[in-house]
Amino acid sequence: MARQPEVVTTHRKEVGEFLSALLRAAGVTTAELAKATHRDRSSISHICAGRQFPGKAFWQSADAYLGAGGRLVLAYEKAVDVERAERKAELERELFEVRGHGKPAVDPVRIAHE
């Protein structure tokens, strides 16, 4: 599996940290959330640490269970948007190089974040 860009892993970790904070605030254990979301406790721990990043259905379920009012889903969607922008920039760089232009004069990753 290809290594994720640092900005992507940072956003995933931030979403996991937010989940962890919501768990603490609600007084919910990882085991309780695991049962409610049909996962195992270690998966929840990995998600909180940013090492796993499940799909939207998990975040919706966790958001509802924790009463987060859509904030957890919004955090997930922001991380997905960052990942899409990074992937788009990567594909644009590859296309530029395939066309024989060498290195781009402007960094498309920098432009994607402006």
Protein backbone atom coordinates (compact mmCIF):
# COMPACT_ATOMS: atom_id res chain seq x y z
CA MET A 1 0.00 0.00 0.00
CA ALA A 2 1.33 3.43 -0.94
CA ARG A 3 2.25 5.80 1.84
CA GLN A 4 -0.31 8.54 2.40
CA PRO A 5 0.82 12.18 2.16
CA GLU A 6 1.49 13.72 5.57
CA VAL A 7 -1.43 16.14 5.28
CA VAL A 8 -3.80 13.18 4.80
CA THR A 9 -2.47 11.24 7.79
CA THR A 10 -2.60 14.42 9.88
CA HIS A 11 -6.29 14.94 9.09
CA ARG A 12 -7.09 11.30 9.76
CA LYS A 13 -5.36 11.52 13.14
CA GLU A 14 -7.27 14.70 13.97
CA VAL A 15 -10.59 12.99 13.23
CA GLY A 16 -9.52 10.05 15.41
CA GLU A 17 -8.51 12.41 18.21
CA PHE A 18 -11.89 14.13 17.93
CA LEU A 19 -13.62 10.75 18.23
CA SER A 20 -11.50 9.97 21.28
CA ALA A 21 -12.44 13.33 22.87
CA LEU A 22 -16.14 12.67 22.20
CA LEU A 23 -15.84 9.24 23.81
CA ARG A 24 -14.30 10.76 26.94
CA ALA A 25 -16.86 13.57 27.09
CA ALA A 26 -19.75 11.11 26.77
CA GLY A 27 -18.21 8.65 29.26
CA VAL A 28 -18.35 5.92 26.60
CA THR A 29 -15.70 3.19 26.37
CA THR A 30 -14.16 1.91 23.16
CA ALA A 31 -15.85 -1.43 23.89
CA GLU A 32 -19.27 0.24 24.09
CA LEU A 33 -18.73 2.14 20.84
CA ALA A 34 -17.42 -1.02 19.21
CA LYS A 35 -20.60 -2.89 20.10
CA ALA A 36 -22.80 -0.01 18.90
CA THR A 37 -20.96 0.25 15.56
CA HIS A 38 -20.46 -3.50 14.98
CA ARG A 39 -16.67 -3.34 15.28
CA ASP A 40 -14.20 -4.73 17.77
CA ARG A 41 -12.56 -2.70 20.52
CA SER A 42 -9.13 -2.78 18.89
CA SER A 43 -10.58 -1.34 15.67
CA ILE A 44 -12.00 1.58 17.64
CA SER A 45 -8.59 2.11 19.26
CA HIS A 46 -6.93 2.10 15.83
CA ILE A 47 -9.52 4.55 14.49
CA CYS A 48 -8.94 6.88 17.46
CA ALA A 49 -5.19 6.76 16.73
CA GLY A 50 -5.72 7.47 13.03
CA ARG A 51 -4.31 4.10 11.93
CA GLN A 52 -7.66 2.99 10.49
CA PHE A 53 -10.05 5.25 8.62
CA PRO A 54 -13.38 3.56 7.93
CA GLY A 55 -16.08 4.78 5.58
CA LYS A 56 -18.83 7.28 6.18
CA ALA A 57 -21.31 4.74 7.59
CA PHE A 58 -19.08 4.19 10.64
CA TRP A 59 -18.75 7.93 11.30
CA GLN A 60 -22.50 8.44 10.95
CA SER A 61 -23.18 5.61 13.37
CA ALA A 62 -20.59 6.84 15.89
CA ASP A 63 -21.85 10.41 15.56
CA ALA A 64 -25.42 9.34 16.30
CA TYR A 65 -24.40 7.08 19.21
CA LEU A 66 -22.29 9.81 20.81
CA GLY A 67 -24.81 12.57 20.14
CA ALA A 68 -22.24 14.64 18.27
CA GLY A 69 -24.84 16.48 16.20
CA GLY A 70 -23.13 15.83 12.87
CA ARG A 71 -19.77 17.25 13.98
CA LEU A 72 -18.01 13.89 13.70
CA VAL A 73 -19.38 13.30 10.19
CA LEU A 74 -18.31 16.82 9.21
CA ALA A 75 -14.77 16.15 10.47
CA TYR A 76 -14.70 12.90 8.47
CA GLU A 77 -15.90 14.68 5.32
CA LYS A 78 -13.22 17.37 5.69
CA ALA A 79 -10.53 14.67 5.91
CA VAL A 80 -11.95 12.96 2.81
CA ASP A 81 -11.94 16.30 0.94
CA VAL A 82 -8.26 16.78 1.82
CA GLU A 83 -7.50 13.25 0.62
CA ARG A 84 -9.32 13.87 -2.67
CA ALA A 85 -7.45 17.14 -3.23
CA GLU A 86 -4.12 15.40 -2.57
CA ARG A 87 -5.01 12.58 -4.97
CA LYS A 88 -6.09 15.06 -7.65
CA ALA A 89 -2.83 16.99 -7.30
CA GLU A 90 -0.87 13.73 -7.52
CA LEU A 91 -2.68 12.73 -10.71
CA GLU A 92 -2.10 16.17 -12.20
CA ARG A 93 1.64 15.88 -11.47
CA GLU A 94 1.75 12.44 -13.06
CA LEU A 95 -0.14 13.65 -16.13
CA PHE A 96 2.21 16.60 -16.50
CA GLU A 97 5.23 14.29 -16.35
CA VAL A 98 3.69 11.73 -18.74
CA ARG A 99 3.22 14.45 -21.32
CA GLY A 100 6.98 14.96 -21.25
CA HIS A 101 6.99 18.31 -19.58
CA GLY A 102 9.31 17.24 -16.79
CA LYS A 103 8.83 18.96 -13.46
CA PRO A 104 5.92 21.40 -13.28
CA ALA A 105 6.81 25.07 -12.91
CA VAL A 106 4.10 25.41 -10.25
CA ASP A 107 3.52 22.85 -7.53
CA PRO A 108 -0.11 21.59 -7.95
CA VAL A 109 -0.18 20.42 -4.30
CA ARG A 110 0.48 23.97 -3.12
CA ILE A 111 -2.24 25.26 -5.43
CA ALA A 112 -4.72 22.65 -4.16
CA HIS A 113 -4.34 23.98 -0.61
CA GLU A 114 -4.68 27.68 -1.46
